[in-house]
Amino acid sequence: MAGEPILIVEDNPSNLKLVKILLTVEGYEIQTATNAEEAIELLKTFRPRLILMDLQLPGMDGLELTRKLKSDPKFHKVIIIALTAYAMKRDEEKASAAGCDGYITKPIDVGAFPSEIVKYLKKNKVGPLR
């Protein structure tokens, strides 16, 4: 799975740095955005296989961005994994209803995180969207 393009959309600098380091060490091609607008702009030129989507973003939240991407034929097959530190009772259901393919809570388990990403990539083998 190394070399797969992944976009991290996360507004918390510490979480962004941690996730980026964990995935870069595993050999993934990583791009980052700190809000939905940055992500939309980046997606004009970058075609990730997987997006790690923080749900609590400034401005447009991660659920709204997920719905927007999943409704676009260019991105509807991209794997979107919700990331959230504020795991409320129905958040996983809301993430799934918005189109997220998975759900990971923060704080990130550094030992298990890379394996979770591989699991999602293997389960949803569609290849990079170019």
N, C-alpha and C. Protein backbone atom coordinates (compact mmCIF):
# COMPACT_ATOMS: atom_id res chain seq x y z
N MET A 1 0.81 -1.19 0.00
CA MET A 1 0.00 0.00 0.00
C MET A 1 0.87 1.27 0.00
N ALA A 2 2.15 1.11 0.24
CA ALA A 2 3.04 2.28 0.25
C ALA A 2 2.94 3.00 -1.08
N GLY A 3 3.10 4.31 -1.02
CA GLY A 3 3.03 5.13 -2.21
C GLY A 3 1.63 5.63 -2.53
N GLU A 4 0.62 5.10 -1.87
CA GLU A 4 -0.76 5.54 -2.11
C GLU A 4 -0.91 7.01 -1.73
N PRO A 5 -1.62 7.80 -2.54
CA PRO A 5 -1.84 9.21 -2.21
C PRO A 5 -2.94 9.37 -1.16
N ILE A 6 -2.63 10.13 -0.12
CA ILE A 6 -3.56 10.37 0.98
C ILE A 6 -3.61 11.86 1.28
N LEU A 7 -4.83 12.37 1.46
CA LEU A 7 -5.03 13.75 1.88
C LEU A 7 -5.48 13.75 3.32
N ILE A 8 -4.82 14.56 4.14
CA ILE A 8 -5.21 14.74 5.54
C ILE A 8 -5.84 16.12 5.66
N VAL A 9 -7.11 16.17 6.09
CA VAL A 9 -7.80 17.44 6.32
C VAL A 9 -8.00 17.56 7.83
N GLU A 10 -7.18 18.39 8.45
CA GLU A 10 -7.13 18.48 9.92
C GLU A 10 -6.70 19.88 10.31
N ASP A 11 -7.45 20.54 11.19
CA ASP A 11 -7.11 21.91 11.58
C ASP A 11 -6.24 21.99 12.82
N ASN A 12 -6.08 20.91 13.56
CA ASN A 12 -5.23 20.93 14.75
C ASN A 12 -3.79 20.62 14.34
N PRO A 13 -2.86 21.58 14.52
CA PRO A 13 -1.48 21.38 14.06
C PRO A 13 -0.80 20.13 14.64
N SER A 14 -1.04 19.83 15.91
CA SER A 14 -0.41 18.65 16.53
C SER A 14 -0.93 17.36 15.92
N ASN A 15 -2.26 17.26 15.75
CA ASN A 15 -2.83 16.06 15.15
C ASN A 15 -2.38 15.91 13.70
N LEU A 16 -2.36 17.02 12.98
CA LEU A 16 -1.93 16.99 11.58
C LEU A 16 -0.50 16.49 11.46
N LYS A 17 0.38 17.01 12.30
CA LYS A 17 1.80 16.61 12.27
C LYS A 17 1.95 15.13 12.61
N LEU A 18 1.24 14.66 13.65
CA LEU A 18 1.33 13.27 14.06
C LEU A 18 0.88 12.33 12.94
N VAL A 19 -0.28 12.59 12.37
CA VAL A 19 -0.82 11.72 11.32
C VAL A 19 0.09 11.75 10.09
N LYS A 20 0.57 12.93 9.74
CA LYS A 20 1.47 13.05 8.58
C LYS A 20 2.75 12.24 8.79
N ILE A 21 3.34 12.35 9.97
CA ILE A 21 4.56 11.60 10.26
C ILE A 21 4.29 10.09 10.20
N LEU A 22 3.22 9.64 10.85
CA LEU A 22 2.90 8.21 10.87
C LEU A 22 2.73 7.64 9.46
N LEU A 23 2.12 8.40 8.58
CA LEU A 23 1.87 7.91 7.23
C LEU A 23 3.06 8.10 6.30
N THR A 24 3.82 9.17 6.50
CA THR A 24 5.01 9.39 5.68
C THR A 24 6.04 8.28 5.93
N VAL A 25 6.20 7.91 7.20
CA VAL A 25 7.13 6.83 7.55
C VAL A 25 6.74 5.52 6.86
N GLU A 26 5.44 5.33 6.64
CA GLU A 26 4.95 4.12 5.97
C GLU A 26 5.07 4.20 4.45
N GLY A 27 5.50 5.36 3.93
CA GLY A 27 5.74 5.50 2.50
C GLY A 27 4.58 6.06 1.68
N TYR A 28 3.57 6.59 2.33
CA TYR A 28 2.44 7.17 1.59
C TYR A 28 2.81 8.54 1.04
N GLU A 29 2.16 8.92 -0.06
CA GLU A 29 2.29 10.26 -0.63
C GLU A 29 1.25 11.14 0.07
N ILE A 30 1.71 12.08 0.88
CA ILE A 30 0.82 12.85 1.75
C ILE A 30 0.71 14.30 1.30
N GLN A 31 -0.53 14.78 1.29
CA GLN A 31 -0.83 16.21 1.13
C GLN A 31 -1.72 16.58 2.31
N THR A 32 -1.69 17.86 2.71
CA THR A 32 -2.48 18.28 3.86
C THR A 32 -3.27 19.55 3.57
N ALA A 33 -4.37 19.68 4.29
CA ALA A 33 -5.19 20.90 4.26
C ALA A 33 -5.69 21.14 5.68
N THR A 34 -5.84 22.39 6.05
CA THR A 34 -6.28 22.71 7.41
C THR A 34 -7.75 23.13 7.47
N ASN A 35 -8.41 23.18 6.32
CA ASN A 35 -9.85 23.47 6.29
C ASN A 35 -10.43 22.96 4.97
N ALA A 36 -11.75 23.00 4.86
CA ALA A 36 -12.43 22.46 3.69
C ALA A 36 -12.06 23.22 2.41
N GLU A 37 -11.97 24.52 2.52
CA GLU A 37 -11.65 25.33 1.34
C GLU A 37 -10.27 24.99 0.79
N GLU A 38 -9.29 24.82 1.67
CA GLU A 38 -7.94 24.41 1.25
C GLU A 38 -8.00 23.05 0.58
N ALA A 39 -8.77 22.13 1.16
CA ALA A 39 -8.89 20.78 0.61
C ALA A 39 -9.48 20.83 -0.79
N ILE A 40 -10.54 21.60 -0.98
CA ILE A 40 -11.19 21.72 -2.29
C ILE A 40 -10.19 22.25 -3.32
N GLU A 41 -9.43 23.26 -2.93
CA GLU A 41 -8.43 23.82 -3.85
C GLU A 41 -7.36 22.78 -4.19
N LEU A 42 -6.88 22.07 -3.20
CA LEU A 42 -5.85 21.05 -3.42
C LEU A 42 -6.36 19.92 -4.31
N LEU A 43 -7.63 19.57 -4.16
CA LEU A 43 -8.20 18.47 -4.94
C LEU A 43 -8.34 18.79 -6.43
N LYS A 44 -8.08 20.01 -6.81
CA LYS A 44 -8.08 20.37 -8.23
C LYS A 44 -6.89 19.75 -8.94
N THR A 45 -5.81 19.46 -8.17
CA THR A 45 -4.60 18.90 -8.78
C THR A 45 -4.15 17.59 -8.14
N PHE A 46 -4.61 17.28 -6.96
CA PHE A 46 -4.19 16.08 -6.23
C PHE A 46 -5.35 15.10 -6.16
N ARG A 47 -5.12 13.86 -6.52
CA ARG A 47 -6.16 12.83 -6.52
C ARG A 47 -5.82 11.74 -5.50
N PRO A 48 -6.27 11.92 -4.27
CA PRO A 48 -5.96 10.92 -3.24
C PRO A 48 -6.79 9.66 -3.40
N ARG A 49 -6.27 8.59 -2.92
CA ARG A 49 -7.01 7.34 -2.84
C ARG A 49 -7.84 7.32 -1.56
N LEU A 50 -7.33 8.05 -0.53
CA LEU A 50 -7.98 8.08 0.78
C LEU A 50 -7.87 9.49 1.35
N ILE A 51 -8.93 9.93 2.02
CA ILE A 51 -8.92 11.22 2.72
C ILE A 51 -9.22 10.96 4.19
N LEU A 52 -8.36 11.49 5.07
CA LEU A 52 -8.61 11.48 6.51
C LEU A 52 -9.25 12.81 6.83
N MET A 53 -10.52 12.79 7.22
CA MET A 53 -11.33 13.99 7.34
C MET A 53 -11.68 14.30 8.79
N ASP A 54 -11.09 15.38 9.31
CA ASP A 54 -11.50 15.87 10.62
C ASP A 54 -12.95 16.35 10.49
N LEU A 55 -13.79 15.99 11.43
CA LEU A 55 -15.19 16.40 11.36
C LEU A 55 -15.39 17.82 11.84
N GLN A 56 -14.58 18.27 12.79
CA GLN A 56 -14.71 19.60 13.38
C GLN A 56 -13.73 20.56 12.70
N LEU A 57 -14.12 21.10 11.56
CA LEU A 57 -13.28 22.05 10.83
C LEU A 57 -13.88 23.45 10.94
N PRO A 58 -13.04 24.48 10.86
CA PRO A 58 -13.59 25.84 10.83
C PRO A 58 -14.30 26.07 9.49
N GLY A 59 -15.35 26.85 9.50
CA GLY A 59 -16.10 27.08 8.26
C GLY A 59 -16.90 25.84 7.91
N MET A 60 -16.76 25.36 6.68
CA MET A 60 -17.44 24.14 6.26
C MET A 60 -16.89 22.96 7.06
N ASP A 61 -17.76 22.21 7.74
CA ASP A 61 -17.25 21.09 8.54
C ASP A 61 -16.96 19.86 7.68
N GLY A 62 -16.36 18.87 8.28
CA GLY A 62 -15.95 17.68 7.56
C GLY A 62 -17.11 16.87 7.00
N LEU A 63 -18.25 16.88 7.66
CA LEU A 63 -19.42 16.16 7.15
C LEU A 63 -19.94 16.81 5.88
N GLU A 64 -20.00 18.12 5.87
CA GLU A 64 -20.47 18.83 4.68
C GLU A 64 -19.51 18.62 3.51
N LEU A 65 -18.20 18.68 3.79
CA LEU A 65 -17.21 18.45 2.73
C LEU A 65 -17.31 17.02 2.21
N THR A 66 -17.52 16.07 3.10
CA THR A 66 -17.67 14.67 2.68
C THR A 66 -18.87 14.52 1.75
N ARG A 67 -20.01 15.09 2.13
CA ARG A 67 -21.21 15.02 1.27
C ARG A 67 -20.93 15.63 -0.10
N LYS A 68 -20.24 16.75 -0.11
CA LYS A 68 -19.90 17.44 -1.36
C LYS A 68 -19.02 16.55 -2.25
N LEU A 69 -18.01 15.95 -1.64
CA LEU A 69 -17.10 15.10 -2.42
C LEU A 69 -17.78 13.83 -2.91
N LYS A 70 -18.56 13.19 -2.06
CA LYS A 70 -19.21 11.94 -2.44
C LYS A 70 -20.27 12.15 -3.53
N SER A 71 -20.79 13.38 -3.66
CA SER A 71 -21.77 13.66 -4.70
C SER A 71 -21.12 14.01 -6.04
N ASP A 72 -19.80 14.17 -6.04
CA ASP A 72 -19.05 14.52 -7.25
C ASP A 72 -18.49 13.23 -7.88
N PRO A 73 -18.83 12.95 -9.15
CA PRO A 73 -18.34 11.72 -9.79
C PRO A 73 -16.82 11.56 -9.77
N LYS A 74 -16.07 12.68 -9.71
CA LYS A 74 -14.61 12.58 -9.67
C LYS A 74 -14.10 12.03 -8.35
N PHE A 75 -14.90 12.16 -7.29
CA PHE A 75 -14.43 11.81 -5.95
C PHE A 75 -15.27 10.78 -5.22
N HIS A 76 -16.37 10.33 -5.82
CA HIS A 76 -17.28 9.47 -5.05
C HIS A 76 -16.66 8.13 -4.67
N LYS A 77 -15.60 7.70 -5.35
CA LYS A 77 -14.95 6.43 -4.98
C LYS A 77 -13.76 6.61 -4.04
N VAL A 78 -13.42 7.85 -3.73
CA VAL A 78 -12.33 8.10 -2.79
C VAL A 78 -12.78 7.62 -1.40
N ILE A 79 -11.90 6.93 -0.72
CA ILE A 79 -12.18 6.44 0.64
C ILE A 79 -12.06 7.64 1.59
N ILE A 80 -13.11 7.90 2.35
CA ILE A 80 -13.07 9.00 3.31
C ILE A 80 -13.26 8.42 4.71
N ILE A 81 -12.26 8.66 5.55
CA ILE A 81 -12.28 8.19 6.94
C ILE A 81 -12.44 9.40 7.85
N ALA A 82 -13.49 9.39 8.65
CA ALA A 82 -13.75 10.47 9.60
C ALA A 82 -12.78 10.38 10.77
N LEU A 83 -12.26 11.53 11.17
CA LEU A 83 -11.42 11.64 12.37
C LEU A 83 -12.08 12.63 13.31
N THR A 84 -12.25 12.25 14.56
CA THR A 84 -12.85 13.19 15.50
C THR A 84 -12.36 12.96 16.92
N ALA A 85 -12.20 14.06 17.63
CA ALA A 85 -11.82 13.99 19.04
C ALA A 85 -13.05 14.06 19.93
N TYR A 86 -14.15 14.50 19.36
CA TYR A 86 -15.37 14.71 20.13
C TYR A 86 -16.38 13.63 19.77
N ALA A 87 -16.10 12.41 20.15
CA ALA A 87 -16.95 11.29 19.79
C ALA A 87 -18.25 11.31 20.58
N MET A 88 -19.26 11.86 19.97
CA MET A 88 -20.59 11.88 20.57
C MET A 88 -21.30 10.59 20.17
N LYS A 89 -22.39 10.30 20.82
CA LYS A 89 -23.09 9.05 20.63
C LYS A 89 -23.45 8.75 19.16
N ARG A 90 -23.95 9.74 18.44
CA ARG A 90 -24.41 9.50 17.07
C ARG A 90 -23.41 9.96 16.01
N ASP A 91 -22.21 10.35 16.38
CA ASP A 91 -21.25 10.86 15.41
C ASP A 91 -20.89 9.83 14.34
N GLU A 92 -20.70 8.59 14.73
CA GLU A 92 -20.34 7.57 13.76
C GLU A 92 -21.47 7.38 12.75
N GLU A 93 -22.71 7.41 13.22
CA GLU A 93 -23.87 7.30 12.32
C GLU A 93 -23.94 8.50 11.38
N LYS A 94 -23.70 9.69 11.90
CA LYS A 94 -23.72 10.90 11.08
C LYS A 94 -22.62 10.85 10.02
N ALA A 95 -21.44 10.38 10.41
CA ALA A 95 -20.33 10.27 9.48
C ALA A 95 -20.67 9.28 8.36
N SER A 96 -21.23 8.16 8.72
CA SER A 96 -21.63 7.16 7.73
C SER A 96 -22.71 7.72 6.80
N ALA A 97 -23.69 8.40 7.36
CA ALA A 97 -24.77 8.98 6.55
C ALA A 97 -24.24 10.04 5.58
N ALA A 98 -23.18 10.74 5.96
CA ALA A 98 -22.59 11.76 5.09
C ALA A 98 -21.77 11.14 3.97
N GLY A 99 -21.42 9.85 4.12
CA GLY A 99 -20.65 9.17 3.08
C GLY A 99 -19.29 8.68 3.52
N CYS A 100 -18.94 8.86 4.79
CA CYS A 100 -17.64 8.38 5.27
C CYS A 100 -17.62 6.86 5.22
N ASP A 101 -16.46 6.32 4.85
CA ASP A 101 -16.27 4.88 4.73
C ASP A 101 -15.74 4.25 6.00
N GLY A 102 -15.38 5.08 6.97
CA GLY A 102 -14.85 4.59 8.23
C GLY A 102 -14.78 5.72 9.24
N TYR A 103 -14.36 5.37 10.45
CA TYR A 103 -14.40 6.32 11.56
C TYR A 103 -13.27 5.98 12.53
N ILE A 104 -12.43 6.97 12.82
CA ILE A 104 -11.33 6.80 13.77
C ILE A 104 -11.41 7.92 14.79
N THR A 105 -11.36 7.56 16.07
CA THR A 105 -11.41 8.59 17.11
C THR A 105 -9.99 9.01 17.52
N LYS A 106 -9.90 10.26 17.94
CA LYS A 106 -8.65 10.79 18.48
C LYS A 106 -8.77 10.75 20.00
N PRO A 107 -7.69 10.60 20.73
CA PRO A 107 -6.32 10.64 20.24
C PRO A 107 -5.98 9.39 19.41
N ILE A 108 -5.10 9.62 18.45
CA ILE A 108 -4.67 8.57 17.54
C ILE A 108 -3.84 7.53 18.29
N ASP A 109 -4.16 6.27 18.09
CA ASP A 109 -3.36 5.17 18.63
C ASP A 109 -2.21 4.94 17.65
N VAL A 110 -1.02 5.44 17.99
CA VAL A 110 0.10 5.42 17.05
C VAL A 110 0.51 4.01 16.64
N GLY A 111 0.30 3.05 17.50
CA GLY A 111 0.64 1.67 17.15
C GLY A 111 -0.33 1.04 16.16
N ALA A 112 -1.59 1.34 16.28
CA ALA A 112 -2.62 0.72 15.45
C ALA A 112 -2.97 1.53 14.20
N PHE A 113 -2.70 2.82 14.21
CA PHE A 113 -3.16 3.71 13.14
C PHE A 113 -2.71 3.26 11.73
N PRO A 114 -1.42 3.00 11.50
CA PRO A 114 -1.02 2.59 10.15
C PRO A 114 -1.74 1.32 9.67
N SER A 115 -1.97 0.37 10.57
CA SER A 115 -2.67 -0.86 10.21
C SER A 115 -4.13 -0.58 9.84
N GLU A 116 -4.75 0.37 10.54
CA GLU A 116 -6.13 0.74 10.23
C GLU A 116 -6.22 1.31 8.82
N ILE A 117 -5.26 2.14 8.45
CA ILE A 117 -5.25 2.74 7.12
C ILE A 117 -5.09 1.65 6.05
N VAL A 118 -4.18 0.72 6.27
CA VAL A 118 -4.00 -0.40 5.33
C VAL A 118 -5.30 -1.18 5.19
N LYS A 119 -5.98 -1.43 6.30
CA LYS A 119 -7.24 -2.17 6.29
C LYS A 119 -8.26 -1.47 5.37
N TYR A 120 -8.39 -0.16 5.50
CA TYR A 120 -9.35 0.57 4.65
C TYR A 120 -8.93 0.55 3.19
N LEU A 121 -7.64 0.69 2.93
CA LEU A 121 -7.17 0.67 1.55
C LEU A 121 -7.38 -0.70 0.89
N LYS A 122 -7.15 -1.77 1.63
CA LYS A 122 -7.35 -3.12 1.09
C LYS A 122 -8.83 -3.42 0.87
N LYS A 123 -9.66 -2.96 1.80
CA LYS A 123 -11.09 -3.24 1.72
C LYS A 123 -11.73 -2.51 0.54
N ASN A 124 -11.19 -1.39 0.16
CA ASN A 124 -11.77 -0.56 -0.90
C ASN A 124 -10.79 -0.39 -2.05
N LYS A 125 -10.38 -1.49 -2.64
CA LYS A 125 -9.40 -1.45 -3.73
C LYS A 125 -10.04 -0.94 -5.03
N VAL A 126 -9.76 0.33 -5.35
CA VAL A 126 -10.24 0.88 -6.61
C VAL A 126 -9.10 1.55 -7.39
N GLY A 127 -7.96 1.68 -6.77
CA GLY A 127 -6.84 2.33 -7.43
C GLY A 127 -6.94 3.84 -7.35
N PRO A 128 -5.83 4.54 -7.61
CA PRO A 128 -5.84 6.00 -7.54
C PRO A 128 -6.73 6.58 -8.63
N LEU A 129 -7.35 7.68 -8.33
CA LEU A 129 -8.21 8.36 -9.30
C LEU A 129 -7.41 9.46 -9.96
N ARG A 130 -7.16 9.33 -11.20
CA ARG A 130 -6.35 10.32 -11.95
C ARG A 130 -7.14 10.97 -13.03
